[in-house]
Each structure stands twice: as structure tokens, then as C-alpha cells.
């Protein structure tokens, strides 16, 4: 219990240390919570049943080191993983304010699950802000079809700062990705991941399906 509490305190301290200065920089103060709109309340009511299901047994899962694969299926089936997507891609078009209200409610029930979706929603946001293109549409469609996105960026290699040991090279008519990544929060539950790699001295991001041949995810 002490170990878990210390980790929780460190995580919250890190969150506050990052967000409070950012809020002061951009708004001059930490904004006060606003009043929920009718749309906010509707979104919350829609998600509550799924959040309650995910939250049931969260403490026991933490104690027994049980990973929440089934709980991610519940969130996916309820449409939460698509909530910030536009309506034309099967989402709710939730604003940042609405989304963080929902995320807070999920975190109240199971903080591990909420944390694990960080890369997924960051990827959705970055894709939505990208210029219109066939590639952007393809990526949004994969998310609309239910894909959960993870990341594989950081390494523990002997490479110099700013360099990557993970390489992308030509392999016949295709490409070969070779490397080991760490600190990949949420990737255990993802259907696809962004992998940062070096290709001939240039850093590139490669999207790989997690069931691809040769890809192994390790719960460390």
C-alpha cells in the first residue's frame, strides 16, 4: 500500500508540476471549473455505465497485477475511444473540455485505464489537426473502426542524445523495422502503434499493427 501511495503521489505531483505552470502561462491563472452544459451531461450519462463497469474490481486488479484487457473492450464498445472523433467518423465530436470531464470520471473509477489512453487521444488530436489528405482520412477511418493507438518512442540504448537505435531499412520490396522501445504507456492494449525510428539519418514515425509478424509486446 505504501509503495502504491508513493507512486500515486509522484504521479500527481508530476501532473500538477506540468499543468499549473502551463495554465498560468496561457491563461494567467488556473481556470475555475465551469458549469456543465446539457451536452456535457448527456455525454457523461452515456459513458457512466461503461465507466462503472471498468471501475468494478479496479482495486483488486491493481493488487493482483491483472491487466484490464476486458475493460478496454468495454470502453471501445461504448464508443469512448472514439468520443473526440467528428460525427462523420462515428464519434461524438467532444470538445477538449467535454473530453477531460469524461476522462476525469473514468480516472475516478480506474486511474490506470485513463492513463493508458493518453497516447491514443493525443494521436487523435494530432491527426485531426493535420492537413487534409488521403493519409489523414485513412488514419481517422482506422480509429473510427475501433483501433486503439499506442506509442513506441523512447529507448534505453547507447545511442547519443537525439539519435535512435531503432532502424527502418529497405528489405526487398518492403521495409524492415528493428529495435526495442520502453516507456510505452498503453501499448499493451493498442491495436496499432507509432514507432519512432531512424531511416538513413532521418527520424521517421512508422505506424505498425500490434499483430504484425515479429512485433512483441512485453509487460515489464
C-alpha atoms as a PDB file:
ATOM      1  CA  UNK A   1       0.000   0.000   0.000  1.00  0.00           C
ATOM      2  CA  UNK A   2       2.816   2.400   0.876  1.00  0.00           C
ATOM      3  CA  UNK A   3       4.540   1.689  -2.436  1.00  0.00           C
ATOM      4  CA  UNK A   4       1.310   2.302  -4.382  1.00  0.00           C
ATOM      5  CA  UNK A   5       0.624   5.515  -2.471  1.00  0.00           C
ATOM      6  CA  UNK A   6       4.142   6.809  -3.128  1.00  0.00           C
ATOM      7  CA  UNK A   7       3.759   6.103  -6.844  1.00  0.00           C
ATOM      8  CA  UNK A   8       0.382   7.835  -6.873  1.00  0.00           C
ATOM      9  CA  UNK A   9       1.789  10.883  -5.056  1.00  0.00           C
ATOM     10  CA  UNK A  10       4.681  11.070  -7.516  1.00  0.00           C
ATOM     11  CA  UNK A  11       2.321  10.835 -10.493  1.00  0.00           C
ATOM     12  CA  UNK A  12       0.013  13.548  -9.165  1.00  0.00           C
ATOM     13  CA  UNK A  13       2.982  15.738  -8.268  1.00  0.00           C
ATOM     14  CA  UNK A  14       4.335  15.395 -11.783  1.00  0.00           C
ATOM     15  CA  UNK A  15       0.928  16.219 -13.260  1.00  0.00           C
ATOM     16  CA  UNK A  16       0.486  19.330 -11.108  1.00  0.00           C
ATOM     17  CA  UNK A  17       4.073  20.460 -11.777  1.00  0.00           C
ATOM     18  CA  UNK A  18       3.412  20.323 -15.526  1.00  0.00           C
ATOM     19  CA  UNK A  19      -0.135  21.643 -15.758  1.00  0.00           C
ATOM     20  CA  UNK A  20      -0.185  24.514 -13.260  1.00  0.00           C
ATOM     21  CA  UNK A  21       2.732  26.469 -14.843  1.00  0.00           C
ATOM     22  CA  UNK A  22       1.229  25.812 -18.285  1.00  0.00           C
ATOM     23  CA  UNK A  23      -2.159  27.137 -17.137  1.00  0.00           C
ATOM     24  CA  UNK A  24      -0.563  30.293 -15.709  1.00  0.00           C
ATOM     25  CA  UNK A  25       1.466  30.804 -18.880  1.00  0.00           C
ATOM     26  CA  UNK A  26      -1.533  30.509 -21.218  1.00  0.00           C
ATOM     27  CA  UNK A  27      -4.412  31.845 -19.081  1.00  0.00           C
ATOM     28  CA  UNK A  28      -2.747  33.931 -16.379  1.00  0.00           C
ATOM     29  CA  UNK A  29      -4.352  31.712 -13.729  1.00  0.00           C
ATOM     30  CA  UNK A  30      -5.680  28.213 -13.166  1.00  0.00           C
ATOM     31  CA  UNK A  31      -9.163  28.357 -14.753  1.00  0.00           C
ATOM     32  CA  UNK A  32     -12.070  27.675 -12.450  1.00  0.00           C
ATOM     33  CA  UNK A  33     -14.362  24.741 -13.304  1.00  0.00           C
ATOM     34  CA  UNK A  34     -17.289  25.807 -15.459  1.00  0.00           C
ATOM     35  CA  UNK A  35     -20.907  24.707 -15.325  1.00  0.00           C
ATOM     36  CA  UNK A  36     -21.743  21.515 -17.201  1.00  0.00           C
ATOM     37  CA  UNK A  37     -23.807  22.113 -20.319  1.00  0.00           C
ATOM     38  CA  UNK A  38     -26.661  19.896 -21.434  1.00  0.00           C
ATOM     39  CA  UNK A  39     -24.316  18.305 -23.984  1.00  0.00           C
ATOM     40  CA  UNK A  40     -21.777  17.597 -21.217  1.00  0.00           C
ATOM     41  CA  UNK A  41     -24.416  15.922 -19.062  1.00  0.00           C
ATOM     42  CA  UNK A  42     -25.623  13.798 -21.992  1.00  0.00           C
ATOM     43  CA  UNK A  43     -22.103  12.592 -22.737  1.00  0.00           C
ATOM     44  CA  UNK A  44     -21.488  11.763 -19.092  1.00  0.00           C
ATOM     45  CA  UNK A  45     -24.711   9.795 -18.768  1.00  0.00           C
ATOM     46  CA  UNK A  46     -23.895   7.843 -21.914  1.00  0.00           C
ATOM     47  CA  UNK A  47     -20.454   6.920 -20.615  1.00  0.00           C
ATOM     48  CA  UNK A  48     -21.274   6.323 -16.951  1.00  0.00           C
ATOM     49  CA  UNK A  49     -22.405   2.709 -17.323  1.00  0.00           C
ATOM     50  CA  UNK A  50     -19.204   1.772 -19.150  1.00  0.00           C
ATOM     51  CA  UNK A  51     -17.082   3.676 -16.616  1.00  0.00           C
ATOM     52  CA  UNK A  52     -18.820   1.900 -13.730  1.00  0.00           C
ATOM     53  CA  UNK A  53     -18.126  -1.466 -15.360  1.00  0.00           C
ATOM     54  CA  UNK A  54     -14.471  -0.563 -15.820  1.00  0.00           C
ATOM     55  CA  UNK A  55     -14.201   0.673 -12.240  1.00  0.00           C
ATOM     56  CA  UNK A  56     -15.641  -2.509 -10.745  1.00  0.00           C
ATOM     57  CA  UNK A  57     -12.759  -4.531  -9.353  1.00  0.00           C
ATOM     58  CA  UNK A  58     -10.106  -1.915 -10.173  1.00  0.00           C
ATOM     59  CA  UNK A  59      -8.508  -2.180  -6.720  1.00  0.00           C
ATOM     60  CA  UNK A  60      -8.346  -5.964  -6.894  1.00  0.00           C
ATOM     61  CA  UNK A  61      -6.837  -5.826 -10.375  1.00  0.00           C
ATOM     62  CA  UNK A  62      -4.154  -3.476  -9.055  1.00  0.00           C
ATOM     63  CA  UNK A  63      -3.385  -5.729  -6.095  1.00  0.00           C
ATOM     64  CA  UNK A  64      -3.257  -8.892  -8.182  1.00  0.00           C
ATOM     65  CA  UNK A  65      -1.482  -7.368 -11.194  1.00  0.00           C
ATOM     66  CA  UNK A  66      -4.385  -8.197 -13.510  1.00  0.00           C
ATOM     67  CA  UNK A  67      -4.260  -6.253 -16.757  1.00  0.00           C
ATOM     68  CA  UNK A  68      -7.563  -4.636 -17.876  1.00  0.00           C
ATOM     69  CA  UNK A  69      -7.921  -6.096 -21.378  1.00  0.00           C
ATOM     70  CA  UNK A  70     -11.648  -6.739 -20.908  1.00  0.00           C
ATOM     71  CA  UNK A  71     -12.145  -3.218 -19.575  1.00  0.00           C
ATOM     72  CA  UNK A  72     -10.639  -1.736 -22.727  1.00  0.00           C
ATOM     73  CA  UNK A  73     -13.077  -3.788 -24.774  1.00  0.00           C
ATOM     74  CA  UNK A  74     -15.892  -2.267 -22.709  1.00  0.00           C
ATOM     75  CA  UNK A  75     -14.658   1.283 -23.397  1.00  0.00           C
ATOM     76  CA  UNK A  76     -14.266   0.526 -27.084  1.00  0.00           C
ATOM     77  CA  UNK A  77     -17.756  -0.983 -27.345  1.00  0.00           C
ATOM     78  CA  UNK A  78     -19.243   2.036 -25.548  1.00  0.00           C
ATOM     79  CA  UNK A  79     -17.632   4.386 -28.070  1.00  0.00           C
ATOM     80  CA  UNK A  80     -15.409   6.168 -25.549  1.00  0.00           C
ATOM     81  CA  UNK A  81     -12.242   5.575 -27.575  1.00  0.00           C
ATOM     82  CA  UNK A  82     -13.927   7.478 -30.443  1.00  0.00           C
ATOM     83  CA  UNK A  83     -15.539  10.236 -28.379  1.00  0.00           C
ATOM     84  CA  UNK A  84     -13.331  13.062 -29.719  1.00  0.00           C
ATOM     85  CA  UNK A  85     -13.686  11.998 -33.348  1.00  0.00           C
ATOM     86  CA  UNK A  86     -16.070  14.018 -35.554  1.00  0.00           C
ATOM     87  CA  UNK A  87     -19.561  12.611 -36.130  1.00  0.00           C
ATOM     88  CA  UNK A  88     -18.698  11.617 -39.706  1.00  0.00           C
ATOM     89  CA  UNK A  89     -16.161   9.195 -38.245  1.00  0.00           C
ATOM     90  CA  UNK A  90     -18.564   7.719 -35.716  1.00  0.00           C
ATOM     91  CA  UNK A  91     -17.527   9.919 -32.813  1.00  0.00           C
ATOM     92  CA  UNK A  92     -19.252  12.434 -30.588  1.00  0.00           C
ATOM     93  CA  UNK A  93     -17.083  15.381 -31.601  1.00  0.00           C
ATOM     94  CA  UNK A  94     -16.407  16.048 -27.915  1.00  0.00           C
ATOM     95  CA  UNK A  95     -14.581  19.298 -27.156  1.00  0.00           C
ATOM     96  CA  UNK A  96     -11.435  19.308 -25.019  1.00  0.00           C
ATOM     97  CA  UNK A  97     -13.497  20.462 -22.044  1.00  0.00           C
ATOM     98  CA  UNK A  98     -16.045  17.688 -22.515  1.00  0.00           C
ATOM     99  CA  UNK A  99     -13.351  15.102 -23.069  1.00  0.00           C
ATOM    100  CA  UNK A 100     -11.414  15.975 -19.916  1.00  0.00           C
ATOM    101  CA  UNK A 101     -14.623  15.904 -17.906  1.00  0.00           C
ATOM    102  CA  UNK A 102     -15.179  12.361 -19.172  1.00  0.00           C
ATOM    103  CA  UNK A 103     -11.564  11.373 -18.591  1.00  0.00           C
ATOM    104  CA  UNK A 104     -11.767  12.642 -15.029  1.00  0.00           C
ATOM    105  CA  UNK A 105     -14.827  10.487 -14.398  1.00  0.00           C
ATOM    106  CA  UNK A 106     -13.043   7.438 -15.819  1.00  0.00           C
ATOM    107  CA  UNK A 107      -9.945   8.172 -13.723  1.00  0.00           C
ATOM    108  CA  UNK A 108     -12.083   8.387 -10.560  1.00  0.00           C
ATOM    109  CA  UNK A 109     -13.031   4.763 -11.175  1.00  0.00           C
ATOM    110  CA  UNK A 110      -9.789   3.381 -12.634  1.00  0.00           C
ATOM    111  CA  UNK A 111      -6.811   5.756 -12.998  1.00  0.00           C
ATOM    112  CA  UNK A 112      -4.660   3.116 -14.709  1.00  0.00           C
ATOM    113  CA  UNK A 113      -7.095   2.800 -17.603  1.00  0.00           C
ATOM    114  CA  UNK A 114      -7.385   6.562 -18.020  1.00  0.00           C
ATOM    115  CA  UNK A 115      -3.592   6.949 -18.028  1.00  0.00           C
ATOM    116  CA  UNK A 116      -3.154   4.156 -20.574  1.00  0.00           C
ATOM    117  CA  UNK A 117      -5.282   6.038 -23.130  1.00  0.00           C
ATOM    118  CA  UNK A 118      -3.035   9.111 -23.119  1.00  0.00           C
ATOM    119  CA  UNK A 119      -1.222   8.287 -26.360  1.00  0.00           C
ATOM    120  CA  UNK A 120      -4.443   7.241 -28.073  1.00  0.00           C
ATOM    121  CA  UNK A 121      -6.238  10.553 -27.577  1.00  0.00           C
ATOM    122  CA  UNK A 122      -3.086  12.551 -28.260  1.00  0.00           C
ATOM    123  CA  UNK A 123      -2.811  10.755 -31.609  1.00  0.00           C
ATOM    124  CA  UNK A 124      -6.448  11.526 -32.435  1.00  0.00           C
ATOM    125  CA  UNK A 125      -5.919  15.208 -31.643  1.00  0.00           C
ATOM    126  CA  UNK A 126      -2.749  15.458 -33.746  1.00  0.00           C
ATOM    127  CA  UNK A 127      -4.403  13.656 -36.651  1.00  0.00           C
ATOM    128  CA  UNK A 128      -7.456  15.931 -36.558  1.00  0.00           C
ATOM    129  CA  UNK A 129      -5.184  18.984 -36.723  1.00  0.00           C
ATOM    130  CA  UNK A 130      -3.149  17.623 -39.632  1.00  0.00           C
ATOM    131  CA  UNK A 131      -3.801  18.970 -43.165  1.00  0.00           C
ATOM    132  CA  UNK A 132      -6.493  17.164 -45.109  1.00  0.00           C
ATOM    133  CA  UNK A 133      -5.042  14.258 -47.108  1.00  0.00           C
ATOM    134  CA  UNK A 134      -5.825  10.652 -48.060  1.00  0.00           C
ATOM    135  CA  UNK A 135      -3.396   9.526 -45.335  1.00  0.00           C
ATOM    136  CA  UNK A 136      -5.228  11.583 -42.696  1.00  0.00           C
ATOM    137  CA  UNK A 137      -8.574  10.128 -43.790  1.00  0.00           C
ATOM    138  CA  UNK A 138      -7.159   6.603 -43.670  1.00  0.00           C
ATOM    139  CA  UNK A 139      -5.855   7.131 -40.147  1.00  0.00           C
ATOM    140  CA  UNK A 140      -9.140   8.593 -38.926  1.00  0.00           C
ATOM    141  CA  UNK A 141     -11.055   5.724 -40.502  1.00  0.00           C
ATOM    142  CA  UNK A 142      -8.924   3.186 -38.637  1.00  0.00           C
ATOM    143  CA  UNK A 143      -9.782   4.973 -35.388  1.00  0.00           C
ATOM    144  CA  UNK A 144     -13.452   5.115 -36.396  1.00  0.00           C
ATOM    145  CA  UNK A 145     -13.330   1.341 -36.895  1.00  0.00           C
ATOM    146  CA  UNK A 146     -12.302   0.992 -33.258  1.00  0.00           C
ATOM    147  CA  UNK A 147      -8.493   0.935 -33.327  1.00  0.00           C
ATOM    148  CA  UNK A 148      -6.733   1.971 -30.121  1.00  0.00           C
ATOM    149  CA  UNK A 149      -3.429   3.730 -30.781  1.00  0.00           C
ATOM    150  CA  UNK A 150      -0.274   3.397 -28.705  1.00  0.00           C
ATOM    151  CA  UNK A 151       3.261   4.761 -28.911  1.00  0.00           C
ATOM    152  CA  UNK A 152       6.761   3.321 -29.011  1.00  0.00           C
ATOM    153  CA  UNK A 153       9.122   6.295 -28.930  1.00  0.00           C
ATOM    154  CA  UNK A 154      11.667   6.065 -26.126  1.00  0.00           C
ATOM    155  CA  UNK A 155      14.696   3.798 -25.814  1.00  0.00           C
ATOM    156  CA  UNK A 156      17.324   2.608 -23.353  1.00  0.00           C
ATOM    157  CA  UNK A 157      20.136   2.376 -25.856  1.00  0.00           C
ATOM    158  CA  UNK A 158      23.748   3.515 -26.085  1.00  0.00           C
ATOM    159  CA  UNK A 159      22.829   5.890 -28.897  1.00  0.00           C
ATOM    160  CA  UNK A 160      23.785   9.540 -28.426  1.00  0.00           C
ATOM    161  CA  UNK A 161      21.184  12.108 -27.403  1.00  0.00           C
ATOM    162  CA  UNK A 162      18.957  12.844 -30.378  1.00  0.00           C
ATOM    163  CA  UNK A 163      19.838   9.589 -32.102  1.00  0.00           C
ATOM    164  CA  UNK A 164      17.843   6.373 -32.320  1.00  0.00           C
ATOM    165  CA  UNK A 165      18.971   2.770 -32.210  1.00  0.00           C
ATOM    166  CA  UNK A 166      15.703   1.640 -33.831  1.00  0.00           C
ATOM    167  CA  UNK A 167      16.212   1.456 -37.590  1.00  0.00           C
ATOM    168  CA  UNK A 168      13.928   1.387 -40.610  1.00  0.00           C
ATOM    169  CA  UNK A 169      15.635  -0.127 -43.628  1.00  0.00           C
ATOM    170  CA  UNK A 170      14.740  -1.463 -47.053  1.00  0.00           C
ATOM    171  CA  UNK A 171      14.002  -5.181 -47.230  1.00  0.00           C
ATOM    172  CA  UNK A 172      13.335  -6.362 -50.760  1.00  0.00           C
ATOM    173  CA  UNK A 173      10.150  -4.659 -51.912  1.00  0.00           C
ATOM    174  CA  UNK A 174       9.218  -3.662 -48.385  1.00  0.00           C
ATOM    175  CA  UNK A 175      10.645  -2.190 -45.188  1.00  0.00           C
ATOM    176  CA  UNK A 176      12.104  -3.746 -42.039  1.00  0.00           C
ATOM    177  CA  UNK A 177      11.763  -2.159 -38.591  1.00  0.00           C
ATOM    178  CA  UNK A 178      14.283  -3.294 -35.981  1.00  0.00           C
ATOM    179  CA  UNK A 179      14.580  -2.041 -32.417  1.00  0.00           C
ATOM    180  CA  UNK A 180      13.469  -2.133 -28.782  1.00  0.00           C
ATOM    181  CA  UNK A 181      11.326   0.536 -27.097  1.00  0.00           C
ATOM    182  CA  UNK A 182      10.442   1.321 -23.482  1.00  0.00           C
ATOM    183  CA  UNK A 183       8.093   3.633 -21.522  1.00  0.00           C
ATOM    184  CA  UNK A 184       5.290   2.840 -23.968  1.00  0.00           C
ATOM    185  CA  UNK A 185       2.287   3.552 -21.776  1.00  0.00           C
ATOM    186  CA  UNK A 186      -0.909   1.903 -23.029  1.00  0.00           C
ATOM    187  CA  UNK A 187       0.696  -0.020 -25.863  1.00  0.00           C
ATOM    188  CA  UNK A 188      -0.225  -3.381 -24.302  1.00  0.00           C
ATOM    189  CA  UNK A 189      -3.877  -2.613 -25.145  1.00  0.00           C
ATOM    190  CA  UNK A 190      -3.315  -0.948 -28.521  1.00  0.00           C
ATOM    191  CA  UNK A 191      -4.257  -2.233 -31.977  1.00  0.00           C
ATOM    192  CA  UNK A 192      -1.638  -0.074 -33.695  1.00  0.00           C
ATOM    193  CA  UNK A 193       1.394   1.893 -32.563  1.00  0.00           C
ATOM    194  CA  UNK A 194       3.556   4.770 -33.733  1.00  0.00           C
ATOM    195  CA  UNK A 195       7.215   3.762 -33.689  1.00  0.00           C
ATOM    196  CA  UNK A 196       9.926   6.425 -33.907  1.00  0.00           C
ATOM    197  CA  UNK A 197      12.878   5.170 -35.941  1.00  0.00           C
ATOM    198  CA  UNK A 198      15.956   6.242 -37.858  1.00  0.00           C
ATOM    199  CA  UNK A 199      15.951   5.875 -41.639  1.00  0.00           C
ATOM    200  CA  UNK A 200      19.255   6.848 -43.186  1.00  0.00           C
ATOM    201  CA  UNK A 201      19.913   9.561 -40.607  1.00  0.00           C
ATOM    202  CA  UNK A 202      16.365  10.947 -40.682  1.00  0.00           C
ATOM    203  CA  UNK A 203      13.854  10.394 -37.882  1.00  0.00           C
ATOM    204  CA  UNK A 204      10.575   8.930 -39.118  1.00  0.00           C
ATOM    205  CA  UNK A 205       7.381   7.707 -37.481  1.00  0.00           C
ATOM    206  CA  UNK A 206       6.029   4.351 -38.585  1.00  0.00           C
ATOM    207  CA  UNK A 207       2.530   3.050 -37.798  1.00  0.00           C
ATOM    208  CA  UNK A 208       2.561  -0.693 -37.150  1.00  0.00           C
ATOM    209  CA  UNK A 209      -0.307  -3.035 -36.278  1.00  0.00           C
ATOM    210  CA  UNK A 210       0.337  -4.815 -32.990  1.00  0.00           C
ATOM    211  CA  UNK A 211      -0.420  -8.228 -34.502  1.00  0.00           C
ATOM    212  CA  UNK A 212       2.308  -7.769 -37.148  1.00  0.00           C
ATOM    213  CA  UNK A 213       4.812 -10.592 -37.545  1.00  0.00           C
ATOM    214  CA  UNK A 214       7.910 -10.010 -35.447  1.00  0.00           C
ATOM    215  CA  UNK A 215       6.356  -7.483 -33.068  1.00  0.00           C
ATOM    216  CA  UNK A 216       6.380  -8.465 -29.386  1.00  0.00           C
ATOM    217  CA  UNK A 217       4.864  -6.523 -26.508  1.00  0.00           C
ATOM    218  CA  UNK A 218       6.335  -7.282 -23.088  1.00  0.00           C
ATOM    219  CA  UNK A 219       4.658  -6.428 -19.795  1.00  0.00           C
ATOM    220  CA  UNK A 220       7.657  -5.343 -17.765  1.00  0.00           C
END
